[in-house]
Amino acid sequence: MRVLVLNGPNLGRLGRRQPEIYGTTTHAELVELCVAWGADLGLEVEVRQTNHEGVMVDWLNEAADDRTPVVLNAAAWTHYSYAVLDACAQLEAPLVEVHLSDPKQRPEEFRHHSVVTAYAVEVVAGHGVDGYRMALEVLARG
């Protein structure tokens, strides 16, 4: 089964951006881990990252058209992007929402709400990069 792992803004700076919150694993290392974890689970994993909302919407529309399961870390768009919400609403295959930190435990009030959650079969938050492995396991279990 093919799975798209889609990462939103600033996640390309993993390992350099606030490592006390997001950890020291780089995005390149995260890609390698996701591909390896996926292979162990019998999944063909493709990882993408963008800082451009329209690109994310296009990728989600592609997943909707192809009925491809998605692991989504929409990053900041999680909290306000109705374009991402509308794209998630079109998905027929499962979507697992993932966050490196736990947004509900963060001090910024705006982080406590997700527009993505309504369309997710599960939310994995606060487990660092291991949350991606957990999200892929959810999809592998079906």
Protein backbone atom coordinates (compact mmCIF):
# COMPACT_ATOMS: atom_id res chain seq x y z
CA MET A 1 0.00 0.00 0.00
CA ARG A 2 1.28 3.46 -0.93
CA VAL A 3 1.20 6.14 1.82
CA LEU A 4 1.93 9.85 1.57
CA VAL A 5 3.56 11.52 4.57
CA LEU A 6 2.92 15.24 4.14
CA ASN A 7 4.69 17.87 6.22
CA GLY A 8 3.80 21.54 6.35
CA PRO A 9 5.64 24.80 6.96
CA ASN A 10 8.97 24.94 8.74
CA LEU A 11 9.24 21.18 9.12
CA GLY A 12 12.04 21.25 6.56
CA ARG A 13 14.05 22.94 9.31
CA LEU A 14 13.75 20.06 11.75
CA GLY A 15 16.88 19.57 13.82
CA ARG A 16 17.66 23.30 13.63
CA ARG A 17 14.32 24.86 14.54
CA GLN A 18 13.61 24.89 18.27
CA PRO A 19 15.18 21.49 19.01
CA GLU A 20 13.95 21.75 22.60
CA ILE A 21 10.40 21.42 21.19
CA TYR A 22 10.82 19.52 17.92
CA GLY A 23 13.92 17.42 18.61
CA THR A 24 17.26 17.11 16.83
CA THR A 25 16.26 14.75 14.03
CA THR A 26 16.56 16.52 10.67
CA HIS A 27 13.86 16.33 8.00
CA ALA A 28 16.21 14.24 5.83
CA GLU A 29 16.63 11.79 8.71
CA LEU A 30 12.86 11.75 9.26
CA VAL A 31 12.37 10.86 5.59
CA GLU A 32 14.80 7.92 5.92
CA LEU A 33 13.09 6.73 9.10
CA CYS A 34 9.59 6.91 7.59
CA VAL A 35 10.63 5.01 4.47
CA ALA A 36 12.31 2.31 6.60
CA TRP A 37 9.42 2.05 9.06
CA GLY A 38 7.01 1.84 6.15
CA ALA A 39 9.02 -0.92 4.48
CA ASP A 40 8.98 -2.90 7.74
CA LEU A 41 5.17 -2.55 7.74
CA GLY A 42 4.76 -3.44 4.07
CA LEU A 43 4.06 0.16 3.07
CA GLU A 44 5.54 2.18 0.22
CA VAL A 45 6.09 5.56 1.88
CA GLU A 46 6.71 8.85 0.11
CA VAL A 47 7.55 11.85 2.31
CA ARG A 48 7.03 15.43 1.16
CA GLN A 49 7.44 18.84 2.81
CA THR A 50 6.28 22.28 1.70
CA ASN A 51 6.08 25.80 3.03
CA HIS A 52 3.36 26.65 0.49
CA GLU A 53 -0.27 26.06 1.40
CA GLY A 54 -1.46 25.61 -2.18
CA VAL A 55 1.11 22.88 -2.74
CA MET A 56 -0.18 21.05 0.35
CA VAL A 57 -3.75 21.36 -0.95
CA ASP A 58 -2.64 19.98 -4.32
CA TRP A 59 -0.97 17.01 -2.62
CA LEU A 60 -4.08 16.29 -0.55
CA ASN A 61 -6.20 16.50 -3.70
CA GLU A 62 -3.82 14.03 -5.37
CA ALA A 63 -4.26 11.69 -2.42
CA ALA A 64 -8.04 12.08 -2.69
CA ASP A 65 -7.99 11.31 -6.42
CA ASP A 66 -5.75 8.25 -5.92
CA ARG A 67 -7.41 7.12 -2.66
CA THR A 68 -3.99 7.20 -1.00
CA PRO A 69 -3.76 7.07 2.80
CA VAL A 70 -2.07 10.10 4.35
CA VAL A 71 0.00 10.87 7.43
CA LEU A 72 -0.34 14.64 7.81
CA ASN A 73 1.59 17.09 9.91
CA ALA A 74 0.03 20.31 8.66
CA ALA A 75 2.12 22.27 11.18
CA ALA A 76 0.77 25.82 11.60
CA TRP A 77 -1.96 25.18 9.00
CA THR A 78 -3.42 22.70 11.47
CA HIS A 79 -4.88 25.56 13.44
CA TYR A 80 -6.46 27.79 10.81
CA SER A 81 -6.27 26.58 7.21
CA TYR A 82 -9.75 26.05 5.84
CA ALA A 83 -8.14 25.21 2.49
CA VAL A 84 -6.33 22.27 4.14
CA LEU A 85 -9.55 21.35 5.98
CA ASP A 86 -11.51 21.28 2.70
CA ALA A 87 -8.83 19.16 1.05
CA CYS A 88 -8.87 16.71 3.98
CA ALA A 89 -12.66 16.49 3.72
CA GLN A 90 -12.29 15.02 0.23
CA LEU A 91 -10.08 12.12 1.33
CA GLU A 92 -11.63 8.67 1.12
CA ALA A 93 -8.59 6.76 2.36
CA PRO A 94 -7.58 7.13 6.01
CA LEU A 95 -5.80 10.21 7.30
CA VAL A 96 -3.68 10.15 10.46
CA GLU A 97 -2.83 13.54 11.94
CA VAL A 98 0.62 13.69 13.54
CA HIS A 99 2.46 16.32 15.59
CA LEU A 100 5.96 16.15 17.04
CA SER A 101 4.93 18.08 20.14
CA ASP A 102 1.52 17.94 21.77
CA PRO A 103 -0.27 21.10 20.62
CA LYS A 104 -2.81 20.88 23.46
CA GLN A 105 0.05 21.11 25.98
CA ARG A 106 1.70 24.10 24.34
CA PRO A 107 1.27 27.50 26.04
CA GLU A 108 -0.07 29.25 22.93
CA GLU A 109 -3.86 29.02 23.02
CA PHE A 110 -4.21 29.05 19.22
CA ARG A 111 -2.38 25.69 19.04
CA HIS A 112 -5.09 23.92 21.03
CA HIS A 113 -7.51 23.66 18.09
CA SER A 114 -7.04 21.59 14.93
CA VAL A 115 -9.15 21.93 11.80
CA VAL A 116 -7.68 18.61 10.57
CA THR A 117 -8.82 16.38 13.45
CA ALA A 118 -12.40 16.11 12.22
CA TYR A 119 -11.16 14.11 9.23
CA ALA A 120 -8.48 12.03 10.97
CA VAL A 121 -8.99 8.41 11.97
CA GLU A 122 -6.44 9.05 14.71
CA VAL A 123 -4.27 11.85 16.10
CA VAL A 124 -0.73 11.05 17.26
CA ALA A 125 0.82 13.94 19.19
CA GLY A 126 3.70 14.51 21.55
CA HIS A 127 5.85 11.49 20.64
CA GLY A 128 8.51 13.30 18.60
CA VAL A 129 9.59 11.61 15.38
CA ASP A 130 8.39 8.27 16.78
CA GLY A 131 4.87 9.60 16.26
CA TYR A 132 5.35 9.11 12.53
CA ARG A 133 6.11 5.41 13.11
CA MET A 134 2.98 5.17 15.25
CA ALA A 135 0.92 6.89 12.53
CA LEU A 136 2.22 4.48 9.87
CA GLU A 137 1.33 1.56 12.16
CA VAL A 138 -2.25 2.87 12.34
CA LEU A 139 -2.47 2.83 8.54
CA ALA A 140 -0.81 -0.59 8.25
CA ARG A 141 -3.37 -2.07 10.66
CA GLY A 142 -6.15 -0.72 8.46
